[in-house]
PDB file of all heavy atoms in Angstrom:
ATOM      1  N   LEU A   1      14.843   9.613   9.575  1.00  0.00           N
ATOM      2  CA  LEU A   1      15.433   9.335   8.272  1.00  0.00           C
ATOM      3  C   LEU A   1      15.034   7.937   7.822  1.00  0.00           C
ATOM      4  O   LEU A   1      15.282   6.958   8.521  1.00  0.00           O
ATOM      5  CB  LEU A   1      16.952   9.465   8.347  1.00  0.00           C
ATOM      6  CG  LEU A   1      17.453  10.821   8.851  1.00  0.00           C
ATOM      7  CD1 LEU A   1      18.961  10.826   8.909  1.00  0.00           C
ATOM      8  CD2 LEU A   1      16.934  11.945   7.999  1.00  0.00           C
ATOM      9  N   THR A   2      14.407   7.860   6.657  1.00  0.00           N
ATOM     10  CA  THR A   2      13.819   6.614   6.188  1.00  0.00           C
ATOM     11  C   THR A   2      14.220   6.330   4.745  1.00  0.00           C
ATOM     12  O   THR A   2      14.091   7.196   3.888  1.00  0.00           O
ATOM     13  CB  THR A   2      12.281   6.690   6.278  1.00  0.00           C
ATOM     14  OG1 THR A   2      11.918   7.064   7.598  1.00  0.00           O
ATOM     15  CG2 THR A   2      11.635   5.386   5.913  1.00  0.00           C
ATOM     16  N   ILE A   3      14.730   5.118   4.498  1.00  0.00           N
ATOM     17  CA  ILE A   3      14.979   4.627   3.139  1.00  0.00           C
ATOM     18  C   ILE A   3      14.294   3.257   3.071  1.00  0.00           C
ATOM     19  O   ILE A   3      14.887   2.238   3.448  1.00  0.00           O
ATOM     20  CB  ILE A   3      16.480   4.530   2.814  1.00  0.00           C
ATOM     21  CG1 ILE A   3      17.146   5.889   3.028  1.00  0.00           C
ATOM     22  CG2 ILE A   3      16.682   4.056   1.363  1.00  0.00           C
ATOM     23  CD1 ILE A   3      18.642   5.865   2.878  1.00  0.00           C
ATOM     24  N   PRO A   4      13.041   3.216   2.636  1.00  0.00           N
ATOM     25  CA  PRO A   4      12.246   1.977   2.698  1.00  0.00           C
ATOM     26  C   PRO A   4      12.874   0.782   1.994  1.00  0.00           C
ATOM     27  O   PRO A   4      12.845  -0.328   2.527  1.00  0.00           O
ATOM     28  CB  PRO A   4      10.924   2.368   2.047  1.00  0.00           C
ATOM     29  CG  PRO A   4      10.848   3.846   2.187  1.00  0.00           C
ATOM     30  CD  PRO A   4      12.272   4.335   2.115  1.00  0.00           C
ATOM     31  N   SER A   5      13.465   0.972   0.820  1.00  0.00           N
ATOM     32  CA  SER A   5      13.999  -0.170   0.070  1.00  0.00           C
ATOM     33  C   SER A   5      15.225  -0.800   0.744  1.00  0.00           C
ATOM     34  O   SER A   5      15.602  -1.914   0.402  1.00  0.00           O
ATOM     35  CB  SER A   5      14.339   0.247  -1.365  1.00  0.00           C
ATOM     36  OG  SER A   5      15.265   1.301  -1.359  1.00  0.00           O
ATOM     37  N   LEU A   6      15.823  -0.113   1.720  1.00  0.00           N
ATOM     38  CA  LEU A   6      16.946  -0.673   2.470  1.00  0.00           C
ATOM     39  C   LEU A   6      16.538  -1.079   3.894  1.00  0.00           C
ATOM     40  O   LEU A   6      17.367  -1.521   4.682  1.00  0.00           O
ATOM     41  CB  LEU A   6      18.101   0.336   2.548  1.00  0.00           C
ATOM     42  CG  LEU A   6      18.781   0.671   1.230  1.00  0.00           C
ATOM     43  CD1 LEU A   6      19.829   1.750   1.433  1.00  0.00           C
ATOM     44  CD2 LEU A   6      19.406  -0.573   0.620  1.00  0.00           C
ATOM     45  N   GLY A   7      15.265  -0.887   4.216  1.00  0.00           N
ATOM     46  CA  GLY A   7      14.788  -1.223   5.554  1.00  0.00           C
ATOM     47  C   GLY A   7      15.379  -0.320   6.617  1.00  0.00           C
ATOM     48  O   GLY A   7      15.539  -0.728   7.762  1.00  0.00           O
ATOM     49  N   LEU A   8      15.692   0.918   6.265  1.00  0.00           N
ATOM     50  CA  LEU A   8      16.335   1.856   7.181  1.00  0.00           C
ATOM     51  C   LEU A   8      15.325   2.882   7.669  1.00  0.00           C
ATOM     52  O   LEU A   8      14.660   3.545   6.868  1.00  0.00           O
ATOM     53  CB  LEU A   8      17.491   2.563   6.479  1.00  0.00           C
ATOM     54  CG  LEU A   8      18.255   3.595   7.298  1.00  0.00           C
ATOM     55  CD1 LEU A   8      19.044   2.904   8.403  1.00  0.00           C
ATOM     56  CD2 LEU A   8      19.183   4.386   6.410  1.00  0.00           C
ATOM     57  N   LYS A   9      15.198   3.004   8.977  1.00  0.00           N
ATOM     58  CA  LYS A   9      14.366   4.039   9.597  1.00  0.00           C
ATOM     59  C   LYS A   9      14.999   4.361  10.940  1.00  0.00           C
ATOM     60  O   LYS A   9      15.011   3.531  11.842  1.00  0.00           O
ATOM     61  CB  LYS A   9      12.933   3.570   9.770  1.00  0.00           C
ATOM     62  CG  LYS A   9      12.002   4.655  10.233  1.00  0.00           C
ATOM     63  CD  LYS A   9      10.559   4.211  10.127  1.00  0.00           C
ATOM     64  CE  LYS A   9       9.656   5.392  10.399  1.00  0.00           C
ATOM     65  NZ  LYS A   9       8.265   5.049  10.170  1.00  0.00           N
ATOM     66  N   THR A  10      15.583   5.546  11.055  1.00  0.00           N
ATOM     67  CA  THR A  10      16.357   5.915  12.232  1.00  0.00           C
ATOM     68  C   THR A  10      16.086   7.358  12.626  1.00  0.00           C
ATOM     69  O   THR A  10      15.985   8.228  11.768  1.00  0.00           O
ATOM     70  CB  THR A  10      17.866   5.736  11.952  1.00  0.00           C
ATOM     71  OG1 THR A  10      18.095   4.399  11.519  1.00  0.00           O
ATOM     72  CG2 THR A  10      18.691   6.004  13.171  1.00  0.00           C
ATOM     73  N   ASP A  11      16.017   7.607  13.922  1.00  0.00           N
ATOM     74  CA  ASP A  11      15.819   8.956  14.435  1.00  0.00           C
ATOM     75  C   ASP A  11      17.122   9.738  14.441  1.00  0.00           C
ATOM     76  O   ASP A  11      18.184   9.185  14.734  1.00  0.00           O
ATOM     77  CB  ASP A  11      15.298   8.928  15.873  1.00  0.00           C
ATOM     78  CG  ASP A  11      13.863   8.462  15.961  1.00  0.00           C
ATOM     79  OD1 ASP A  11      13.111   8.669  14.993  1.00  0.00           O
ATOM     80  OD2 ASP A  11      13.482   7.901  17.008  1.00  0.00           O
ATOM     81  N   ALA A  12      17.023  11.028  14.161  1.00  0.00           N
ATOM     82  CA  ALA A  12      18.127  11.967  14.332  1.00  0.00           C
ATOM     83  C   ALA A  12      17.669  12.960  15.394  1.00  0.00           C
ATOM     84  O   ALA A  12      16.709  13.697  15.192  1.00  0.00           O
ATOM     85  CB  ALA A  12      18.439  12.681  13.028  1.00  0.00           C
ATOM     86  N   ILE A  13      18.346  12.961  16.531  1.00  0.00           N
ATOM     87  CA  ILE A  13      17.932  13.753  17.689  1.00  0.00           C
ATOM     88  C   ILE A  13      19.064  14.709  18.067  1.00  0.00           C
ATOM     89  O   ILE A  13      20.223  14.290  18.135  1.00  0.00           O
ATOM     90  CB  ILE A  13      17.605  12.816  18.878  1.00  0.00           C
ATOM     91  CG1 ILE A  13      16.518  11.831  18.470  1.00  0.00           C
ATOM     92  CG2 ILE A  13      17.202  13.612  20.111  1.00  0.00           C
ATOM     93  CD1 ILE A  13      16.337  10.689  19.430  1.00  0.00           C
ATOM     94  N   PRO A  14      18.737  15.995  18.327  1.00  0.00           N
ATOM     95  CA  PRO A  14      19.794  16.935  18.718  1.00  0.00           C
ATOM     96  C   PRO A  14      20.558  16.465  19.955  1.00  0.00           C
ATOM     97  O   PRO A  14      19.980  15.899  20.878  1.00  0.00           O
ATOM     98  CB  PRO A  14      19.031  18.233  19.017  1.00  0.00           C
ATOM     99  CG  PRO A  14      17.767  18.106  18.239  1.00  0.00           C
ATOM    100  CD  PRO A  14      17.433  16.636  18.244  1.00  0.00           C
ATOM    101  N   ARG A  15      21.869  16.688  19.956  1.00  0.00           N
ATOM    102  CA  ARG A  15      22.783  16.361  21.049  1.00  0.00           C
ATOM    103  C   ARG A  15      22.852  14.866  21.366  1.00  0.00           C
ATOM    104  O   ARG A  15      23.338  14.469  22.415  1.00  0.00           O
ATOM    105  CB  ARG A  15      22.431  17.159  22.303  1.00  0.00           C
ATOM    106  CG  ARG A  15      22.615  18.666  22.120  1.00  0.00           C
ATOM    107  CD  ARG A  15      22.205  19.458  23.325  1.00  0.00           C
ATOM    108  NE  ARG A  15      20.860  19.258  23.767  1.00  0.00           N
ATOM    109  CZ  ARG A  15      19.759  19.801  23.223  1.00  0.00           C
ATOM    110  NH1 ARG A  15      19.906  20.604  22.185  1.00  0.00           N
ATOM    111  NH2 ARG A  15      18.571  19.563  23.690  1.00  0.00           N
ATOM    112  N   CYS A  16      22.342  14.029  20.474  1.00  0.00           N
ATOM    113  CA  CYS A  16      22.442  12.569  20.640  1.00  0.00           C
ATOM    114  C   CYS A  16      23.061  11.989  19.378  1.00  0.00           C
ATOM    115  O   CYS A  16      22.792  12.457  18.279  1.00  0.00           O
ATOM    116  CB  CYS A  16      21.066  11.943  20.846  1.00  0.00           C
ATOM    117  SG  CYS A  16      20.304  12.388  22.400  1.00  0.00           S
ATOM    118  N   LEU A  17      23.875  10.979  19.539  1.00  0.00           N
ATOM    119  CA  LEU A  17      24.486  10.310  18.403  1.00  0.00           C
ATOM    120  C   LEU A  17      23.843   8.940  18.262  1.00  0.00           C
ATOM    121  O   LEU A  17      23.961   8.099  19.152  1.00  0.00           O
ATOM    122  CB  LEU A  17      25.992  10.180  18.611  1.00  0.00           C
ATOM    123  CG  LEU A  17      26.819   9.763  17.413  1.00  0.00           C
ATOM    124  CD1 LEU A  17      26.643  10.754  16.270  1.00  0.00           C
ATOM    125  CD2 LEU A  17      28.274   9.672  17.792  1.00  0.00           C
ATOM    126  N   ASN A  18      23.113   8.740  17.183  1.00  0.00           N
ATOM    127  CA  ASN A  18      22.439   7.484  16.912  1.00  0.00           C
ATOM    128  C   ASN A  18      23.259   6.729  15.866  1.00  0.00           C
ATOM    129  O   ASN A  18      23.878   7.336  15.003  1.00  0.00           O
ATOM    130  CB  ASN A  18      21.030   7.745  16.410  1.00  0.00           C
ATOM    131  CG  ASN A  18      20.102   6.586  16.623  1.00  0.00           C
ATOM    132  OD1 ASN A  18      20.536   5.500  17.002  1.00  0.00           O
ATOM    133  ND2 ASN A  18      18.822   6.805  16.396  1.00  0.00           N
ATOM    134  N   GLN A  19      23.253   5.415  15.947  1.00  0.00           N
ATOM    135  CA  GLN A  19      24.055   4.600  15.033  1.00  0.00           C
ATOM    136  C   GLN A  19      23.193   3.505  14.418  1.00  0.00           C
ATOM    137  O   GLN A  19      22.351   2.913  15.071  1.00  0.00           O
ATOM    138  CB  GLN A  19      25.201   3.964  15.814  1.00  0.00           C
ATOM    139  CG  GLN A  19      26.026   3.002  15.014  1.00  0.00           C
ATOM    140  CD  GLN A  19      27.156   2.428  15.828  1.00  0.00           C
ATOM    141  OE1 GLN A  19      28.058   3.153  16.189  1.00  0.00           O
ATOM    142  NE2 GLN A  19      27.110   1.145  16.121  1.00  0.00           N
ATOM    143  N   THR A  20      23.442   3.245  13.144  1.00  0.00           N
ATOM    144  CA  THR A  20      22.801   2.121  12.459  1.00  0.00           C
ATOM    145  C   THR A  20      23.778   1.595  11.412  1.00  0.00           C
ATOM    146  O   THR A  20      24.791   2.220  11.131  1.00  0.00           O
ATOM    147  CB  THR A  20      21.463   2.525  11.819  1.00  0.00           C
ATOM    148  OG1 THR A  20      20.790   1.366  11.348  1.00  0.00           O
ATOM    149  CG2 THR A  20      21.658   3.500  10.668  1.00  0.00           C
ATOM    150  N   THR A  21      23.488   0.435  10.869  1.00  0.00           N
ATOM    151  CA  THR A  21      24.308  -0.113   9.788  1.00  0.00           C
ATOM    152  C   THR A  21      23.410  -0.472   8.617  1.00  0.00           C
ATOM    153  O   THR A  21      22.214  -0.728   8.789  1.00  0.00           O
ATOM    154  CB  THR A  21      25.076  -1.370  10.223  1.00  0.00           C
ATOM    155  OG1 THR A  21      24.150  -2.352  10.665  1.00  0.00           O
ATOM    156  CG2 THR A  21      26.055  -1.058  11.328  1.00  0.00           C
ATOM    157  N   LEU A  22      24.000  -0.493   7.452  1.00  0.00           N
ATOM    158  CA  LEU A  22      23.267  -0.940   6.271  1.00  0.00           C
ATOM    159  C   LEU A  22      24.238  -1.571   5.297  1.00  0.00           C
ATOM    160  O   LEU A  22      25.424  -1.280   5.291  1.00  0.00           O
ATOM    161  CB  LEU A  22      22.482   0.194   5.610  1.00  0.00           C
ATOM    162  CG  LEU A  22      23.221   1.332   4.913  1.00  0.00           C
ATOM    163  CD1 LEU A  22      23.535   0.971   3.471  1.00  0.00           C
ATOM    164  CD2 LEU A  22      22.359   2.564   4.934  1.00  0.00           C
ATOM    165  N   THR A  23      23.705  -2.463   4.492  1.00  0.00           N
ATOM    166  CA  THR A  23      24.467  -3.100   3.418  1.00  0.00           C
ATOM    167  C   THR A  23      23.554  -3.145   2.198  1.00  0.00           C
ATOM    168  O   THR A  23      22.435  -3.649   2.293  1.00  0.00           O
ATOM    169  CB  THR A  23      24.882  -4.534   3.802  1.00  0.00           C
ATOM    170  OG1 THR A  23      25.626  -4.487   5.014  1.00  0.00           O
ATOM    171  CG2 THR A  23      25.726  -5.166   2.716  1.00  0.00           C
ATOM    172  N   THR A  24      24.029  -2.596   1.098  1.00  0.00           N
ATOM    173  CA  THR A  24      23.239  -2.669  -0.130  1.00  0.00           C
ATOM    174  C   THR A  24      23.587  -3.958  -0.857  1.00  0.00           C
ATOM    175  O   THR A  24      24.751  -4.337  -0.937  1.00  0.00           O
ATOM    176  CB  THR A  24      23.502  -1.457  -1.035  1.00  0.00           C
ATOM    177  OG1 THR A  24      24.893  -1.398  -1.338  1.00  0.00           O
ATOM    178  CG2 THR A  24      23.074  -0.168  -0.358  1.00  0.00           C
ATOM    179  N   GLY A  25      22.587  -4.635  -1.385  1.00  0.00           N
ATOM    180  CA  GLY A  25      22.798  -5.916  -2.036  1.00  0.00           C
ATOM    181  C   GLY A  25      23.165  -5.825  -3.498  1.00  0.00           C
ATOM    182  O   GLY A  25      23.681  -6.781  -4.079  1.00  0.00           O
ATOM    183  N   ARG A  26      22.902  -4.680  -4.106  1.00  0.00           N
ATOM    184  CA  ARG A  26      23.198  -4.521  -5.535  1.00  0.00           C
ATOM    185  C   ARG A  26      23.376  -3.041  -5.860  1.00  0.00           C
ATOM    186  O   ARG A  26      22.885  -2.178  -5.142  1.00  0.00           O
ATOM    187  CB  ARG A  26      22.097  -5.129  -6.377  1.00  0.00           C
ATOM    188  CG  ARG A  26      20.749  -4.466  -6.194  1.00  0.00           C
ATOM    189  CD  ARG A  26      19.688  -5.125  -7.081  1.00  0.00           C
ATOM    190  NE  ARG A  26      18.469  -4.385  -7.020  1.00  0.00           N
ATOM    191  CZ  ARG A  26      17.468  -4.655  -6.196  1.00  0.00           C
ATOM    192  NH1 ARG A  26      17.546  -5.648  -5.356  1.00  0.00           N
ATOM    193  NH2 ARG A  26      16.373  -3.926  -6.211  1.00  0.00           N
ATOM    194  N   PRO A  27      24.084  -2.747  -6.943  1.00  0.00           N
ATOM    195  CA  PRO A  27      24.247  -1.343  -7.339  1.00  0.00           C
ATOM    196  C   PRO A  27      22.906  -0.715  -7.685  1.00  0.00           C
ATOM    197  O   PRO A  27      21.984  -1.394  -8.143  1.00  0.00           O
ATOM    198  CB  PRO A  27      25.138  -1.425  -8.584  1.00  0.00           C
ATOM    199  CG  PRO A  27      25.801  -2.748  -8.510  1.00  0.00           C
ATOM    200  CD  PRO A  27      24.834  -3.656  -7.805  1.00  0.00           C
ATOM    201  N   GLY A  28      22.802   0.569  -7.459  1.00  0.00           N
ATOM    202  CA  GLY A  28      21.579   1.277  -7.817  1.00  0.00           C
ATOM    203  C   GLY A  28      21.382   2.523  -6.983  1.00  0.00           C
ATOM    204  O   GLY A  28      22.213   2.885  -6.157  1.00  0.00           O
ATOM    205  N   LEU A  29      20.247   3.188  -7.222  1.00  0.00           N
ATOM    206  CA  LEU A  29      19.854   4.373  -6.472  1.00  0.00           C
ATOM    207  C   LEU A  29      18.793   3.984  -5.458  1.00  0.00           C
ATOM    208  O   LEU A  29      17.852   3.249  -5.776  1.00  0.00           O
ATOM    209  CB  LEU A  29      19.297   5.444  -7.406  1.00  0.00           C
ATOM    210  CG  LEU A  29      20.294   6.138  -8.318  1.00  0.00           C
ATOM    211  CD1 LEU A  29      19.565   7.092  -9.270  1.00  0.00           C
ATOM    212  CD2 LEU A  29      21.336   6.887  -7.523  1.00  0.00           C
ATOM    213  N   TYR A  30      18.945   4.496  -4.249  1.00  0.00           N
ATOM    214  CA  TYR A  30      18.003   4.223  -3.170  1.00  0.00           C
ATOM    215  C   TYR A  30      17.493   5.567  -2.660  1.00  0.00           C
ATOM    216  O   TYR A  30      18.276   6.424  -2.262  1.00  0.00           O
ATOM    217  CB  TYR A  30      18.682   3.432  -2.055  1.00  0.00           C
ATOM    218  CG  TYR A  30      19.169   2.085  -2.515  1.00  0.00           C
ATOM    219  CD1 TYR A  30      20.447   1.937  -3.061  1.00  0.00           C
ATOM    220  CD2 TYR A  30      18.359   0.967  -2.429  1.00  0.00           C
ATOM    221  CE1 TYR A  30      20.896   0.698  -3.498  1.00  0.00           C
ATOM    222  CE2 TYR A  30      18.797  -0.272  -2.865  1.00  0.00           C
ATOM    223  CZ  TYR A  30      20.074  -0.397  -3.395  1.00  0.00           C
ATOM    224  OH  TYR A  30      20.516  -1.624  -3.830  1.00  0.00           O
ATOM    225  N   TYR A  31      16.162   5.743  -2.680  1.00  0.00           N
ATOM    226  CA  TYR A  31      15.558   7.016  -2.310  1.00  0.00           C
ATOM    227  C   TYR A  31      14.863   6.912  -0.959  1.00  0.00           C
ATOM    228  O   TYR A  31      14.269   5.895  -0.627  1.00  0.00           O
ATOM    229  CB  TYR A  31      14.508   7.428  -3.352  1.00  0.00           C
ATOM    230  CG  TYR A  31      15.095   7.797  -4.685  1.00  0.00           C
ATOM    231  CD1 TYR A  31      15.283   6.844  -5.677  1.00  0.00           C
ATOM    232  CD2 TYR A  31      15.475   9.109  -4.953  1.00  0.00           C
ATOM    233  CE1 TYR A  31      15.822   7.178  -6.899  1.00  0.00           C
ATOM    234  CE2 TYR A  31      16.018   9.449  -6.185  1.00  0.00           C
ATOM    235  CZ  TYR A  31      16.189   8.483  -7.157  1.00  0.00           C
ATOM    236  OH  TYR A  31      16.721   8.817  -8.358  1.00  0.00           O
ATOM    237  N   GLY A  32      14.937   7.995  -0.205  1.00  0.00           N
ATOM    238  CA  GLY A  32      14.230   8.084   1.056  1.00  0.00           C
ATOM    239  C   GLY A  32      14.012   9.539   1.413  1.00  0.00           C
ATOM    240  O   GLY A  32      14.328  10.439   0.640  1.00  0.00           O
ATOM    241  N   GLN A  33      13.463   9.778   2.601  1.00  0.00           N
ATOM    242  CA  GLN A  33      13.255  11.141   3.063  1.00  0.00           C
ATOM    243  C   GLN A  33      12.943  11.139   4.553  1.00  0.00           C
ATOM    244  O   GLN A  33      12.811  10.081   5.157  1.00  0.00           O
ATOM    245  CB  GLN A  33      12.163  11.847   2.274  1.00  0.00           C
ATOM    246  CG  GLN A  33      10.829  11.198   2.290  1.00  0.00           C
ATOM    247  CD  GLN A  33       9.871  11.820   1.282  1.00  0.00           C
ATOM    248  OE1 GLN A  33       8.936  11.173   0.928  1.00  0.00           O
ATOM    249  NE2 GLN A  33      10.064  13.019   0.819  1.00  0.00           N
ATOM    250  N   CYS A  34      12.846  12.314   5.113  1.00  0.00           N
ATOM    251  CA  CYS A  34      12.458  12.449   6.505  1.00  0.00           C
ATOM    252  C   CYS A  34      10.977  12.111   6.584  1.00  0.00           C
ATOM    253  O   CYS A  34      10.154  12.715   5.892  1.00  0.00           O
ATOM    254  CB  CYS A  34      12.717  13.875   6.995  1.00  0.00           C
ATOM    255  SG  CYS A  34      12.283  14.124   8.722  1.00  0.00           S
ATOM    256  N   SER A  35      10.638  11.131   7.408  1.00  0.00           N
ATOM    257  CA  SER A  35       9.232  10.711   7.489  1.00  0.00           C
ATOM    258  C   SER A  35       8.525  11.288   8.706  1.00  0.00           C
ATOM    259  O   SER A  35       7.396  10.931   8.993  1.00  0.00           O
ATOM    260  CB  SER A  35       9.146   9.176   7.501  1.00  0.00           C
ATOM    261  OG  SER A  35       9.819   8.655   8.612  1.00  0.00           O
ATOM    262  N   GLU A  36       9.174  12.195   9.408  1.00  0.00           N
ATOM    263  CA  GLU A  36       8.581  12.853  10.572  1.00  0.00           C
ATOM    264  C   GLU A  36       8.257  14.288  10.169  1.00  0.00           C
ATOM    265  O   GLU A  36       9.116  15.006   9.678  1.00  0.00           O
ATOM    266  CB  GLU A  36       9.583  12.846  11.731  1.00  0.00           C
ATOM    267  CG  GLU A  36       9.067  13.439  13.004  1.00  0.00           C
ATOM    268  CD  GLU A  36       8.195  12.465  13.769  1.00  0.00           C
ATOM    269  OE1 GLU A  36       8.338  11.251  13.557  1.00  0.00           O
ATOM    270  OE2 GLU A  36       7.378  12.932  14.567  1.00  0.00           O
ATOM    271  N   ILE A  37       7.039  14.701  10.368  1.00  0.00           N
ATOM    272  CA  ILE A  37       6.677  16.086  10.048  1.00  0.00           C
ATOM    273  C   ILE A  37       7.012  16.921  11.277  1.00  0.00           C
ATOM    274  O   ILE A  37       6.200  17.144  12.160  1.00  0.00           O
ATOM    275  CB  ILE A  37       5.200  16.220   9.643  1.00  0.00           C
ATOM    276  CG1 ILE A  37       4.936  15.329   8.444  1.00  0.00           C
ATOM    277  CG2 ILE A  37       4.867  17.678   9.343  1.00  0.00           C
ATOM    278  CD1 ILE A  37       3.508  15.286   7.993  1.00  0.00           C
ATOM    279  N   CYS A  38       8.266  17.350  11.339  1.00  0.00           N
ATOM    280  CA  CYS A  38       8.785  18.012  12.534  1.00  0.00           C
ATOM    281  C   CYS A  38       8.726  19.534  12.433  1.00  0.00           C
ATOM    282  O   CYS A  38       8.924  20.212  13.410  1.00  0.00           O
ATOM    283  CB  CYS A  38      10.205  17.540  12.812  1.00  0.00           C
ATOM    284  SG  CYS A  38      11.220  17.410  11.350  1.00  0.00           S
ATOM    285  N   ARG A  39       8.480  20.038  11.231  1.00  0.00           N
ATOM    286  CA  ARG A  39       8.383  21.481  11.026  1.00  0.00           C
ATOM    287  C   ARG A  39       8.009  21.691   9.559  1.00  0.00           C
ATOM    288  O   ARG A  39       8.103  20.792   8.748  1.00  0.00           O
ATOM    289  CB  ARG A  39       9.725  22.089  11.415  1.00  0.00           C
ATOM    290  CG  ARG A  39      10.016  23.459  10.969  1.00  0.00           C
ATOM    291  CD  ARG A  39      11.228  23.989  11.699  1.00  0.00           C
ATOM    292  NE  ARG A  39      12.321  24.081  10.737  1.00  0.00           N
ATOM    293  CZ  ARG A  39      13.550  24.376  11.051  1.00  0.00           C
ATOM    294  NH1 ARG A  39      13.884  24.562  12.307  1.00  0.00           N
ATOM    295  NH2 ARG A  39      14.472  24.467  10.137  1.00  0.00           N
TER     296      ARG A  39
END
């Protein structure tokens, strides 16, 4: 899972719980997508 404008790139793995934090600096829309071609 990747949101470039927030500097967020984190794996989502079955049966594992991954954690990250983020803080947005200003109101707005932030776009991202799955950057792994997993299927």
